[in-house]
Amino acid sequence: MIAGDDEKYGSGIWNELGPLFEPEKHSPQTLLCKNIAEAFKETRELDMNAIGRRRKSEEKANNSSKTLSRKTISQYFYMTITKAAKELNVGVTLLKKRCRELGIRRWPQRKLMSLQNLIRNVQELERGGDIPGSEGKLKEAIEILQRERELIEEIPDLEMEDKTKRLRQACFKANYKKRRLSEMMNNDHDHDQLQSSTATGSCYRGGNHGYGETKSM
């Protein structure tokens, strides 16, 4: 093989192998796919980090909620469950979950507040003497209601007695009638004041008229 052939042959081999040693050239489509893949990878890493932080936070909250005893939770029964969760520094969902674990299916705030208001109403009836001859019965009713309230504090899922519900309805009607009577008395008083003012104004105008006639003479 002559020198010219060697040069020609060597040049042909380089023409084939040369591109392998040159920087890779990408088409716009290839670059776009690469960018999308890198962005997806970064997003996935961020999502995994966020999931990890959330799981740690949930585990910490679960551990803190499990330390809540029945005695501790019962101190907040007279609040709404939202306010109680805020005071206990836990989420509402976690507080509900802990209550179910302790056998508390429903938050008893409404029942306890209803009993509290009923006890207050009966005490007012007892002090006011609105029902003559019933002082002993009212005192007994207050004691029964207080025992029922204490029992619901111990067993929150317990329903109120039927007698308690009827007494609550009777107190509601009595308070309604009392308010209506008070409103009627206030209206009558305002009406009397209005008539008195009207009569006084008429006398005053009549007096001025007589004075004017006297002066003209």
N, C-alpha and C. Protein backbone atom coordinates (compact mmCIF):
# COMPACT_ATOMS: atom_id res chain seq x y z
N MET A 1 0.86 -1.20 0.00
CA MET A 1 0.00 0.00 0.00
C MET A 1 0.89 1.24 0.00
N ILE A 2 0.65 2.15 -0.86
CA ILE A 2 1.47 3.37 -0.99
C ILE A 2 1.03 4.40 0.02
N ALA A 3 1.89 5.46 0.15
CA ALA A 3 1.61 6.49 1.17
C ALA A 3 0.29 7.19 0.94
N GLY A 4 -0.01 7.45 -0.33
CA GLY A 4 -1.27 8.14 -0.63
C GLY A 4 -2.46 7.32 -0.18
N ASP A 5 -2.33 6.01 -0.36
CA ASP A 5 -3.45 5.15 0.06
C ASP A 5 -3.57 5.15 1.58
N ASP A 6 -2.40 5.20 2.30
CA ASP A 6 -2.46 5.24 3.77
C ASP A 6 -3.18 6.49 4.27
N GLU A 7 -2.83 7.61 3.62
CA GLU A 7 -3.48 8.86 4.04
C GLU A 7 -4.98 8.81 3.75
N LYS A 8 -5.29 8.27 2.59
CA LYS A 8 -6.71 8.20 2.21
C LYS A 8 -7.46 7.26 3.13
N TYR A 9 -6.82 6.12 3.46
CA TYR A 9 -7.46 5.13 4.30
C TYR A 9 -7.63 5.67 5.73
N GLY A 10 -6.57 6.35 6.21
CA GLY A 10 -6.66 6.92 7.56
C GLY A 10 -7.71 7.99 7.66
N SER A 11 -7.79 8.79 6.61
CA SER A 11 -8.81 9.84 6.60
C SER A 11 -10.20 9.24 6.61
N GLY A 12 -10.38 8.14 5.92
CA GLY A 12 -11.71 7.52 5.90
C GLY A 12 -12.10 6.98 7.26
N ILE A 13 -11.14 6.42 7.99
CA ILE A 13 -11.44 5.89 9.33
C ILE A 13 -11.81 7.03 10.28
N TRP A 14 -11.06 8.16 10.18
CA TRP A 14 -11.37 9.31 11.06
C TRP A 14 -12.74 9.90 10.77
N ASN A 15 -13.07 9.89 9.49
CA ASN A 15 -14.40 10.40 9.13
C ASN A 15 -15.50 9.59 9.81
N GLU A 16 -15.23 8.31 10.04
CA GLU A 16 -16.24 7.47 10.67
C GLU A 16 -16.19 7.58 12.20
N LEU A 17 -14.96 7.66 12.76
CA LEU A 17 -14.82 7.67 14.20
C LEU A 17 -14.82 9.06 14.80
N GLY A 18 -14.50 10.05 14.00
CA GLY A 18 -14.39 11.42 14.52
C GLY A 18 -15.63 11.92 15.24
N PRO A 19 -16.80 11.74 14.68
CA PRO A 19 -18.01 12.25 15.36
C PRO A 19 -18.20 11.69 16.75
N LEU A 20 -17.62 10.52 17.06
CA LEU A 20 -17.79 9.94 18.40
C LEU A 20 -17.08 10.76 19.46
N PHE A 21 -16.04 11.51 19.06
CA PHE A 21 -15.26 12.30 20.00
C PHE A 21 -15.67 13.77 20.02
N GLU A 22 -16.65 14.12 19.23
CA GLU A 22 -17.14 15.49 19.19
C GLU A 22 -18.27 15.67 20.20
N PRO A 23 -18.50 16.90 20.71
CA PRO A 23 -19.62 17.14 21.64
C PRO A 23 -20.94 16.74 21.01
N GLU A 24 -21.78 16.14 21.83
CA GLU A 24 -23.07 15.64 21.33
C GLU A 24 -23.99 16.82 21.01
N LYS A 25 -24.58 16.75 19.88
CA LYS A 25 -25.51 17.79 19.45
C LYS A 25 -26.94 17.28 19.63
N HIS A 26 -27.78 18.11 20.33
CA HIS A 26 -29.16 17.71 20.61
C HIS A 26 -30.11 18.55 19.78
N SER A 27 -31.16 17.89 19.38
CA SER A 27 -32.22 18.60 18.68
C SER A 27 -33.09 19.33 19.70
N PRO A 28 -33.86 20.35 19.29
CA PRO A 28 -34.75 21.06 20.23
C PRO A 28 -35.71 20.12 20.95
N GLN A 29 -36.20 19.09 20.27
CA GLN A 29 -37.13 18.14 20.89
C GLN A 29 -36.44 17.37 22.00
N THR A 30 -35.18 16.98 21.75
CA THR A 30 -34.44 16.24 22.77
C THR A 30 -34.18 17.09 24.00
N LEU A 31 -33.81 18.36 23.78
CA LEU A 31 -33.57 19.26 24.91
C LEU A 31 -34.84 19.48 25.72
N LEU A 32 -35.98 19.61 25.05
CA LEU A 32 -37.25 19.82 25.74
C LEU A 32 -37.59 18.62 26.62
N CYS A 33 -37.43 17.42 26.08
CA CYS A 33 -37.70 16.21 26.86
C CYS A 33 -36.78 16.11 28.08
N LYS A 34 -35.52 16.49 27.87
CA LYS A 34 -34.57 16.44 28.97
C LYS A 34 -34.94 17.42 30.07
N ASN A 35 -35.34 18.64 29.68
CA ASN A 35 -35.76 19.64 30.67
C ASN A 35 -36.98 19.19 31.44
N ILE A 36 -37.94 18.58 30.74
CA ILE A 36 -39.16 18.10 31.40
C ILE A 36 -38.82 17.00 32.40
N ALA A 37 -37.92 16.10 31.99
CA ALA A 37 -37.53 15.00 32.89
C ALA A 37 -36.84 15.53 34.14
N GLU A 38 -35.97 16.54 33.98
CA GLU A 38 -35.28 17.11 35.13
C GLU A 38 -36.26 17.84 36.05
N ALA A 39 -37.20 18.58 35.46
CA ALA A 39 -38.20 19.30 36.27
C ALA A 39 -39.07 18.32 37.03
N PHE A 40 -39.46 17.22 36.39
CA PHE A 40 -40.28 16.21 37.05
C PHE A 40 -39.53 15.58 38.22
N LYS A 41 -38.23 15.34 38.02
CA LYS A 41 -37.40 14.76 39.07
C LYS A 41 -37.32 15.69 40.27
N GLU A 42 -37.12 16.99 40.02
CA GLU A 42 -37.05 17.96 41.11
C GLU A 42 -38.38 18.05 41.85
N THR A 43 -39.48 18.06 41.08
CA THR A 43 -40.80 18.14 41.70
C THR A 43 -41.07 16.92 42.57
N ARG A 44 -40.69 15.76 42.08
CA ARG A 44 -40.90 14.53 42.84
C ARG A 44 -40.09 14.55 44.14
N GLU A 45 -38.87 15.06 44.07
CA GLU A 45 -38.06 15.15 45.27
C GLU A 45 -38.69 16.10 46.29
N LEU A 46 -39.23 17.23 45.82
CA LEU A 46 -39.88 18.18 46.71
C LEU A 46 -41.12 17.55 47.35
N ASP A 47 -41.90 16.82 46.53
CA ASP A 47 -43.10 16.16 47.05
C ASP A 47 -42.74 15.12 48.11
N MET A 48 -41.70 14.36 47.87
CA MET A 48 -41.29 13.34 48.83
C MET A 48 -40.84 13.99 50.14
N ASN A 49 -40.13 15.11 50.04
CA ASN A 49 -39.71 15.82 51.25
C ASN A 49 -40.91 16.35 52.03
N ALA A 50 -41.90 16.89 51.29
CA ALA A 50 -43.10 17.41 51.95
C ALA A 50 -43.87 16.28 52.63
N ILE A 51 -43.98 15.14 51.94
CA ILE A 51 -44.68 13.99 52.52
C ILE A 51 -43.97 13.52 53.78
N GLY A 52 -42.64 13.51 53.72
CA GLY A 52 -41.88 13.10 54.90
C GLY A 52 -42.11 14.03 56.08
N ARG A 53 -42.11 15.33 55.82
CA ARG A 53 -42.34 16.29 56.91
C ARG A 53 -43.74 16.15 57.47
N ARG A 54 -44.73 15.94 56.58
CA ARG A 54 -46.11 15.79 57.04
C ARG A 54 -46.28 14.54 57.90
N ARG A 55 -45.64 13.45 57.48
CA ARG A 55 -45.73 12.22 58.27
C ARG A 55 -45.12 12.38 59.65
N LYS A 56 -43.99 13.07 59.69
CA LYS A 56 -43.36 13.30 60.99
C LYS A 56 -44.26 14.16 61.87
N SER A 57 -44.88 15.18 61.25
CA SER A 57 -45.78 16.05 62.01
C SER A 57 -46.98 15.27 62.53
N GLU A 58 -47.55 14.38 61.68
CA GLU A 58 -48.69 13.58 62.09
C GLU A 58 -48.31 12.60 63.20
N GLU A 59 -47.13 12.01 63.08
CA GLU A 59 -46.68 11.08 64.12
C GLU A 59 -46.50 11.81 65.45
N LYS A 60 -45.95 13.02 65.37
CA LYS A 60 -45.77 13.81 66.59
C LYS A 60 -47.12 14.17 67.21
N ALA A 61 -48.08 14.55 66.35
CA ALA A 61 -49.41 14.91 66.84
C ALA A 61 -50.12 13.69 67.43
N ASN A 62 -49.96 12.53 66.77
CA ASN A 62 -50.58 11.31 67.27
C ASN A 62 -50.02 10.94 68.64
N ASN A 63 -48.72 11.09 68.78
CA ASN A 63 -48.10 10.78 70.07
C ASN A 63 -48.59 11.71 71.16
N SER A 64 -48.75 13.01 70.79
CA SER A 64 -49.22 13.97 71.79
C SER A 64 -50.68 13.73 72.16
N SER A 65 -51.50 13.31 71.15
CA SER A 65 -52.92 13.06 71.44
C SER A 65 -53.10 11.82 72.31
N LYS A 66 -52.21 10.84 72.16
CA LYS A 66 -52.32 9.61 72.96
C LYS A 66 -52.01 9.85 74.42
N THR A 67 -51.33 10.95 74.71
CA THR A 67 -51.03 11.27 76.11
C THR A 67 -52.23 11.92 76.80
N LEU A 68 -53.27 12.28 76.04
CA LEU A 68 -54.45 12.91 76.63
C LEU A 68 -55.29 11.85 77.34
N SER A 69 -55.47 12.05 78.62
CA SER A 69 -56.27 11.11 79.41
C SER A 69 -57.74 11.55 79.40
N ARG A 70 -58.59 10.64 79.83
CA ARG A 70 -60.03 10.96 79.91
C ARG A 70 -60.26 12.10 80.91
N LYS A 71 -59.50 12.09 81.98
CA LYS A 71 -59.66 13.14 83.00
C LYS A 71 -59.28 14.50 82.43
N THR A 72 -58.21 14.54 81.64
CA THR A 72 -57.78 15.81 81.05
C THR A 72 -58.81 16.33 80.06
N ILE A 73 -59.30 15.45 79.21
CA ILE A 73 -60.28 15.87 78.20
C ILE A 73 -61.58 16.32 78.84
N SER A 74 -61.99 15.67 79.92
CA SER A 74 -63.27 16.00 80.56
C SER A 74 -63.30 17.42 81.12
N GLN A 75 -62.13 18.00 81.36
CA GLN A 75 -62.08 19.37 81.87
C GLN A 75 -62.53 20.39 80.82
N TYR A 76 -62.63 19.96 79.57
CA TYR A 76 -63.00 20.87 78.47
C TYR A 76 -64.37 20.53 77.87
N PHE A 77 -65.15 19.70 78.57
CA PHE A 77 -66.45 19.28 78.05
C PHE A 77 -67.43 20.44 77.88
N TYR A 78 -67.25 21.51 78.65
CA TYR A 78 -68.20 22.63 78.58
C TYR A 78 -67.84 23.62 77.46
N MET A 79 -66.77 23.32 76.71
CA MET A 79 -66.41 24.11 75.54
C MET A 79 -66.85 23.37 74.28
N THR A 80 -66.90 24.10 73.17
CA THR A 80 -67.08 23.42 71.89
C THR A 80 -65.84 22.60 71.60
N ILE A 81 -65.99 21.56 70.80
CA ILE A 81 -64.85 20.68 70.53
C ILE A 81 -63.74 21.43 69.79
N THR A 82 -64.12 22.43 68.99
CA THR A 82 -63.10 23.22 68.29
C THR A 82 -62.25 24.02 69.27
N LYS A 83 -62.91 24.66 70.23
CA LYS A 83 -62.18 25.43 71.23
C LYS A 83 -61.37 24.52 72.14
N ALA A 84 -61.93 23.35 72.47
CA ALA A 84 -61.21 22.41 73.32
C ALA A 84 -59.94 21.92 72.64
N ALA A 85 -60.03 21.62 71.34
CA ALA A 85 -58.85 21.18 70.59
C ALA A 85 -57.78 22.27 70.58
N LYS A 86 -58.21 23.52 70.44
CA LYS A 86 -57.26 24.63 70.44
C LYS A 86 -56.59 24.76 71.79
N GLU A 87 -57.37 24.61 72.87
CA GLU A 87 -56.80 24.71 74.21
C GLU A 87 -55.83 23.56 74.50
N LEU A 88 -56.14 22.38 73.96
CA LEU A 88 -55.29 21.21 74.16
C LEU A 88 -54.13 21.15 73.19
N ASN A 89 -54.12 22.08 72.23
CA ASN A 89 -53.03 22.17 71.24
C ASN A 89 -52.96 20.92 70.36
N VAL A 90 -54.12 20.43 69.95
CA VAL A 90 -54.19 19.32 69.01
C VAL A 90 -55.24 19.66 67.95
N GLY A 91 -55.25 18.90 66.86
CA GLY A 91 -56.27 19.11 65.83
C GLY A 91 -57.60 18.52 66.25
N VAL A 92 -58.68 19.06 65.65
CA VAL A 92 -60.02 18.56 65.97
C VAL A 92 -60.16 17.09 65.59
N THR A 93 -59.61 16.71 64.43
CA THR A 93 -59.70 15.32 63.98
C THR A 93 -58.99 14.39 64.96
N LEU A 94 -57.83 14.79 65.43
CA LEU A 94 -57.08 13.96 66.38
C LEU A 94 -57.80 13.87 67.72
N LEU A 95 -58.44 14.97 68.13
CA LEU A 95 -59.19 14.94 69.40
C LEU A 95 -60.38 14.00 69.29
N LYS A 96 -61.09 14.06 68.17
CA LYS A 96 -62.21 13.14 67.96
C LYS A 96 -61.73 11.69 67.97
N LYS A 97 -60.61 11.44 67.32
CA LYS A 97 -60.05 10.09 67.28
C LYS A 97 -59.71 9.61 68.68
N ARG A 98 -59.09 10.50 69.47
CA ARG A 98 -58.73 10.12 70.84
C ARG A 98 -59.98 9.88 71.68
N CYS A 99 -61.02 10.67 71.46
CA CYS A 99 -62.28 10.47 72.19
C CYS A 99 -62.88 9.10 71.87
N ARG A 100 -62.85 8.72 70.61
CA ARG A 100 -63.38 7.40 70.23
C ARG A 100 -62.56 6.29 70.88
N GLU A 101 -61.26 6.50 70.97
CA GLU A 101 -60.41 5.50 71.64
C GLU A 101 -60.76 5.38 73.12
N LEU A 102 -61.21 6.47 73.71
CA LEU A 102 -61.60 6.47 75.13
C LEU A 102 -63.06 6.12 75.33
N GLY A 103 -63.78 5.81 74.25
CA GLY A 103 -65.19 5.43 74.36
C GLY A 103 -66.16 6.59 74.35
N ILE A 104 -65.69 7.78 73.94
CA ILE A 104 -66.56 8.96 73.87
C ILE A 104 -66.95 9.15 72.41
N ARG A 105 -68.18 8.79 72.08
CA ARG A 105 -68.60 8.85 70.67
C ARG A 105 -69.08 10.23 70.26
N ARG A 106 -69.68 10.97 71.20
CA ARG A 106 -70.19 12.31 70.87
C ARG A 106 -69.71 13.31 71.92
N TRP A 107 -69.31 14.48 71.47
CA TRP A 107 -68.85 15.52 72.38
C TRP A 107 -70.04 16.03 73.19
N PRO A 108 -69.97 16.03 74.53
CA PRO A 108 -71.17 16.27 75.36
C PRO A 108 -71.45 17.73 75.70
N GLN A 109 -70.81 18.66 75.03
CA GLN A 109 -70.94 20.07 75.42
C GLN A 109 -72.39 20.55 75.41
N ARG A 110 -73.17 20.18 74.39
CA ARG A 110 -74.55 20.66 74.30
C ARG A 110 -75.41 20.12 75.44
N LYS A 111 -75.26 18.84 75.74
CA LYS A 111 -76.07 18.26 76.83
C LYS A 111 -75.71 18.89 78.17
N LEU A 112 -74.43 19.06 78.41
CA LEU A 112 -74.01 19.62 79.69
C LEU A 112 -74.43 21.08 79.84
N MET A 113 -74.31 21.85 78.76
CA MET A 113 -74.74 23.25 78.82
C MET A 113 -76.25 23.35 78.99
N SER A 114 -76.99 22.43 78.35
CA SER A 114 -78.44 22.41 78.51
C SER A 114 -78.82 22.13 79.96
N LEU A 115 -78.15 21.16 80.58
CA LEU A 115 -78.41 20.86 81.99
C LEU A 115 -78.01 22.03 82.88
N GLN A 116 -76.90 22.66 82.56
CA GLN A 116 -76.44 23.81 83.35
C GLN A 116 -77.48 24.93 83.32
N ASN A 117 -78.00 25.23 82.15
CA ASN A 117 -79.02 26.29 82.03
C ASN A 117 -80.32 25.88 82.74
N LEU A 118 -80.65 24.59 82.66
CA LEU A 118 -81.87 24.11 83.31
C LEU A 118 -81.75 24.23 84.82
N ILE A 119 -80.61 23.88 85.37
CA ILE A 119 -80.38 24.03 86.81
C ILE A 119 -80.51 25.48 87.22
N ARG A 120 -79.96 26.38 86.42
CA ARG A 120 -80.03 27.81 86.72
C ARG A 120 -81.48 28.30 86.68
N ASN A 121 -82.25 27.84 85.72
CA ASN A 121 -83.65 28.26 85.62
C ASN A 121 -84.46 27.79 86.82
N VAL A 122 -84.26 26.54 87.25
CA VAL A 122 -85.00 26.01 88.39
C VAL A 122 -84.58 26.74 89.67
N GLN A 123 -83.30 27.07 89.79
CA GLN A 123 -82.84 27.84 90.94
C GLN A 123 -83.49 29.22 91.00
N GLU A 124 -83.68 29.84 89.84
CA GLU A 124 -84.34 31.15 89.80
C GLU A 124 -85.81 31.02 90.22
N LEU A 125 -86.46 29.93 89.79
CA LEU A 125 -87.85 29.70 90.20
C LEU A 125 -87.94 29.50 91.71
N GLU A 126 -86.96 28.80 92.26
CA GLU A 126 -86.96 28.56 93.70
C GLU A 126 -86.76 29.86 94.47
N ARG A 127 -85.82 30.69 94.02
CA ARG A 127 -85.56 31.96 94.72
C ARG A 127 -86.71 32.94 94.54
N GLY A 128 -87.32 32.94 93.36
CA GLY A 128 -88.39 33.91 93.09
C GLY A 128 -89.71 33.56 93.73
N GLY A 129 -89.90 32.31 94.13
CA GLY A 129 -91.18 31.91 94.72
C GLY A 129 -92.33 32.05 93.76
N ASP A 130 -92.06 31.82 92.45
CA ASP A 130 -93.12 31.96 91.45
C ASP A 130 -94.16 30.85 91.55
N ILE A 131 -93.79 29.73 92.14
CA ILE A 131 -94.72 28.60 92.27
C ILE A 131 -94.90 28.34 93.76
N PRO A 132 -95.94 28.89 94.37
CA PRO A 132 -96.15 28.74 95.82
C PRO A 132 -96.29 27.26 96.22
N GLY A 133 -95.66 26.92 97.36
CA GLY A 133 -95.78 25.56 97.89
C GLY A 133 -94.94 24.52 97.21
N SER A 134 -94.04 24.94 96.28
CA SER A 134 -93.24 23.96 95.54
C SER A 134 -91.75 24.07 95.87
N GLU A 135 -91.41 24.75 96.96
CA GLU A 135 -90.00 24.96 97.28
C GLU A 135 -89.26 23.63 97.47
N GLY A 136 -89.90 22.69 98.18
CA GLY A 136 -89.27 21.40 98.42
C GLY A 136 -89.08 20.61 97.14
N LYS A 137 -90.08 20.63 96.27
CA LYS A 137 -89.98 19.90 95.00
C LYS A 137 -88.91 20.50 94.09
N LEU A 138 -88.82 21.82 94.07
CA LEU A 138 -87.81 22.48 93.24
C LEU A 138 -86.40 22.16 93.74
N LYS A 139 -86.24 22.15 95.05
CA LYS A 139 -84.93 21.82 95.62
C LYS A 139 -84.55 20.39 95.27
N GLU A 140 -85.50 19.49 95.34
CA GLU A 140 -85.24 18.09 94.98
C GLU A 140 -84.90 17.96 93.49
N ALA A 141 -85.61 18.73 92.66
CA ALA A 141 -85.34 18.70 91.22
C ALA A 141 -83.92 19.19 90.92
N ILE A 142 -83.47 20.22 91.63
CA ILE A 142 -82.11 20.74 91.42
C ILE A 142 -81.08 19.67 91.77
N GLU A 143 -81.29 18.97 92.88
CA GLU A 143 -80.36 17.91 93.28
C GLU A 143 -80.31 16.79 92.24
N ILE A 144 -81.47 16.42 91.70
CA ILE A 144 -81.50 15.37 90.68
C ILE A 144 -80.77 15.81 89.42
N LEU A 145 -80.98 17.06 89.03
CA LEU A 145 -80.31 17.58 87.82
C LEU A 145 -78.79 17.65 88.02
N GLN A 146 -78.37 18.03 89.19
CA GLN A 146 -76.92 18.10 89.46
C GLN A 146 -76.28 16.72 89.41
N ARG A 147 -77.00 15.71 89.95
CA ARG A 147 -76.47 14.34 89.88
C ARG A 147 -76.42 13.85 88.44
N GLU A 148 -77.43 14.20 87.67
CA GLU A 148 -77.44 13.79 86.26
C GLU A 148 -76.31 14.46 85.49
N ARG A 149 -76.03 15.70 85.80
CA ARG A 149 -74.92 16.41 85.14
C ARG A 149 -73.59 15.74 85.47
N GLU A 150 -73.39 15.39 86.72
CA GLU A 150 -72.16 14.71 87.12
C GLU A 150 -72.04 13.35 86.44
N LEU A 151 -73.17 12.67 86.27
CA LEU A 151 -73.15 11.36 85.63
C LEU A 151 -72.77 11.47 84.16
N ILE A 152 -73.26 12.50 83.48
CA ILE A 152 -72.93 12.69 82.07
C ILE A 152 -71.47 13.11 81.92
N GLU A 153 -70.94 13.83 82.91
CA GLU A 153 -69.51 14.15 82.88
C GLU A 153 -68.66 12.88 82.94
N GLU A 154 -69.16 11.86 83.66
CA GLU A 154 -68.44 10.60 83.75
C GLU A 154 -68.71 9.71 82.53
N ILE A 155 -69.96 9.74 82.05
CA ILE A 155 -70.34 8.91 80.90
C ILE A 155 -70.95 9.84 79.85
N PRO A 156 -70.14 10.45 79.00
CA PRO A 156 -70.63 11.49 78.07
C PRO A 156 -71.69 11.00 77.08
N ASP A 157 -71.69 9.72 76.74
CA ASP A 157 -72.67 9.21 75.77
C ASP A 157 -74.04 8.96 76.39
N LEU A 158 -74.17 9.15 77.68
CA LEU A 158 -75.44 8.92 78.36
C LEU A 158 -76.47 9.97 77.92
N GLU A 159 -77.68 9.53 77.65
CA GLU A 159 -78.75 10.44 77.24
C GLU A 159 -79.45 11.02 78.47
N MET A 160 -80.04 12.20 78.31
CA MET A 160 -80.77 12.81 79.41
C MET A 160 -82.06 12.03 79.68
N GLU A 161 -82.48 12.05 80.93
CA GLU A 161 -83.71 11.37 81.31
C GLU A 161 -84.92 12.06 80.67
N ASP A 162 -85.97 11.27 80.46
CA ASP A 162 -87.20 11.83 79.88
C ASP A 162 -87.80 12.90 80.80
N LYS A 163 -87.73 12.68 82.12
CA LYS A 163 -88.24 13.68 83.06
C LYS A 163 -87.47 14.99 82.92
N THR A 164 -86.18 14.87 82.69
CA THR A 164 -85.35 16.07 82.52
C THR A 164 -85.76 16.83 81.27
N LYS A 165 -86.03 16.09 80.21
CA LYS A 165 -86.46 16.74 78.96
C LYS A 165 -87.79 17.44 79.12
N ARG A 166 -88.73 16.80 79.87
CA ARG A 166 -90.04 17.43 80.09
C ARG A 166 -89.90 18.67 80.97
N LEU A 167 -89.04 18.58 81.96
CA LEU A 167 -88.80 19.74 82.83
C LEU A 167 -88.18 20.88 82.05
N ARG A 168 -87.28 20.56 81.16
CA ARG A 168 -86.65 21.58 80.31
C ARG A 168 -87.69 22.27 79.44
N GLN A 169 -88.62 21.48 78.88
CA GLN A 169 -89.68 22.06 78.05
C GLN A 169 -90.61 22.94 78.88
N ALA A 170 -90.91 22.49 80.10
CA ALA A 170 -91.80 23.28 80.97
C ALA A 170 -91.13 24.60 81.36
N CYS A 171 -89.83 24.56 81.65
CA CYS A 171 -89.11 25.79 82.00
C CYS A 171 -89.05 26.75 80.81
N PHE A 172 -88.89 26.18 79.62
CA PHE A 172 -88.87 27.02 78.42
C PHE A 172 -90.20 27.75 78.25
N LYS A 173 -91.31 27.02 78.44
CA LYS A 173 -92.63 27.64 78.31
C LYS A 173 -92.85 28.69 79.39
N ALA A 174 -92.42 28.37 80.62
CA ALA A 174 -92.61 29.32 81.72
C ALA A 174 -91.81 30.60 81.47
N ASN A 175 -90.58 30.46 80.99
CA ASN A 175 -89.76 31.64 80.70
C ASN A 175 -90.35 32.46 79.56
N TYR A 176 -90.91 31.75 78.58
CA TYR A 176 -91.54 32.45 77.45
C TYR A 176 -92.73 33.28 77.93
N LYS A 177 -93.58 32.67 78.76
CA LYS A 177 -94.75 33.38 79.28
C LYS A 177 -94.31 34.56 80.15
N LYS A 178 -93.23 34.36 80.91
CA LYS A 178 -92.74 35.43 81.76
C LYS A 178 -92.24 36.61 80.93
N ARG A 179 -91.54 36.30 79.84
CA ARG A 179 -91.07 37.38 78.97
C ARG A 179 -92.22 38.11 78.31
N ARG A 180 -93.23 37.34 77.86
CA ARG A 180 -94.40 37.96 77.22
C ARG A 180 -95.13 38.88 78.20
N LEU A 181 -95.28 38.41 79.44
CA LEU A 181 -95.96 39.23 80.45
C LEU A 181 -95.18 40.50 80.74
N SER A 182 -93.86 40.37 80.81
CA SER A 182 -93.01 41.54 81.05
C SER A 182 -93.12 42.53 79.89
N GLU A 183 -93.15 42.03 78.67
CA GLU A 183 -93.28 42.90 77.50
C GLU A 183 -94.63 43.62 77.50
N MET A 184 -95.68 42.90 77.86
CA MET A 184 -97.03 43.52 77.92
C MET A 184 -97.08 44.60 78.98
N MET A 185 -96.47 44.35 80.13
CA MET A 185 -96.47 45.37 81.20
C MET A 185 -95.67 46.59 80.78
N ASN A 186 -94.56 46.37 80.09
CA ASN A 186 -93.77 47.51 79.61
C ASN A 186 -94.54 48.31 78.56
N ASN A 187 -95.26 47.60 77.70
CA ASN A 187 -96.06 48.30 76.68
C ASN A 187 -97.17 49.12 77.32
N ASP A 188 -97.83 48.55 78.34
CA ASP A 188 -98.89 49.29 79.04
C ASP A 188 -98.31 50.52 79.73
N HIS A 189 -97.13 50.36 80.33
CA HIS A 189 -96.49 51.49 81.01
C HIS A 189 -96.13 52.59 80.01
N ASP A 190 -95.59 52.19 78.85
CA ASP A 190 -95.26 53.18 77.82
C ASP A 190 -96.51 53.87 77.31
N HIS A 191 -97.62 53.11 77.18
CA HIS A 191 -98.88 53.70 76.70
C HIS A 191 -99.41 54.72 77.70
N ASP A 192 -99.32 54.38 79.00
CA ASP A 192 -99.79 55.32 80.03
C ASP A 192 -98.94 56.59 80.02
N GLN A 193 -97.64 56.43 79.86
CA GLN A 193 -96.76 57.60 79.81
C GLN A 193 -97.08 58.47 78.61
N LEU A 194 -97.39 57.83 77.48
CA LEU A 194 -97.73 58.59 76.29
C LEU A 194 -99.03 59.37 76.47
N GLN A 195 -100.03 58.73 77.08
CA GLN A 195 -101.30 59.43 77.33
C GLN A 195 -101.10 60.59 78.30
N SER A 196 -100.26 60.36 79.32
CA SER A 196 -100.01 61.43 80.30
C SER A 196 -99.31 62.61 79.64
N SER A 197 -98.36 62.31 78.77
CA SER A 197 -97.64 63.38 78.07
C SER A 197 -98.58 64.14 77.15
N THR A 198 -99.47 63.41 76.49
CA THR A 198 -100.44 64.06 75.58
C THR A 198 -101.37 64.98 76.35
N ALA A 199 -101.86 64.49 77.51
CA ALA A 199 -102.76 65.32 78.32
C ALA A 199 -102.05 66.56 78.84
N THR A 200 -100.80 66.41 79.26
CA THR A 200 -100.03 67.55 79.76
C THR A 200 -99.81 68.58 78.66
N GLY A 201 -99.55 68.11 77.45
CA GLY A 201 -99.35 69.01 76.34
C GLY A 201 -100.61 69.77 75.98
N SER A 202 -101.74 69.08 76.08
CA SER A 202 -103.02 69.75 75.78
C SER A 202 -103.31 70.85 76.79
N CYS A 203 -103.07 70.57 78.06
CA CYS A 203 -103.29 71.59 79.10
C CYS A 203 -102.37 72.78 78.89
N TYR A 204 -101.15 72.51 78.49
CA TYR A 204 -100.19 73.58 78.29
C TYR A 204 -100.61 74.47 77.13
N ARG A 205 -101.06 73.82 76.04
CA ARG A 205 -101.51 74.62 74.89
C ARG A 205 -102.76 75.42 75.24
N GLY A 206 -103.67 74.81 76.02
CA GLY A 206 -104.89 75.53 76.42
C GLY A 206 -104.57 76.73 77.29
N GLY A 207 -103.59 76.57 78.19
CA GLY A 207 -103.19 77.68 79.05
C GLY A 207 -102.59 78.81 78.26
N ASN A 208 -101.80 78.50 77.26
CA ASN A 208 -101.20 79.54 76.43
C ASN A 208 -102.25 80.30 75.66
N HIS A 209 -103.29 79.54 75.21
CA HIS A 209 -104.34 80.19 74.43
C HIS A 209 -105.10 81.21 75.29
N GLY A 210 -105.39 80.81 76.55
CA GLY A 210 -106.09 81.74 77.45
C GLY A 210 -105.24 82.96 77.77
N TYR A 211 -103.95 82.74 77.93
CA TYR A 211 -103.06 83.84 78.23
C TYR A 211 -103.00 84.81 77.06
N GLY A 212 -103.03 84.27 75.87
CA GLY A 212 -102.99 85.13 74.68
C GLY A 212 -104.23 85.98 74.60
N GLU A 213 -105.37 85.38 74.93
CA GLU A 213 -106.62 86.16 74.88
C GLU A 213 -106.63 87.25 75.91
N THR A 214 -106.10 86.91 77.10
CA THR A 214 -106.08 87.91 78.15
C THR A 214 -105.17 89.09 77.78
N LYS A 215 -104.03 88.74 77.16
CA LYS A 215 -103.09 89.77 76.79
C LYS A 215 -103.65 90.69 75.72
N SER A 216 -104.47 90.14 74.82
CA SER A 216 -105.01 90.95 73.74
C SER A 216 -106.02 91.96 74.26
N MET A 217 -106.67 91.62 75.38
CA MET A 217 -107.61 92.54 75.97
C MET A 217 -106.85 93.71 76.59
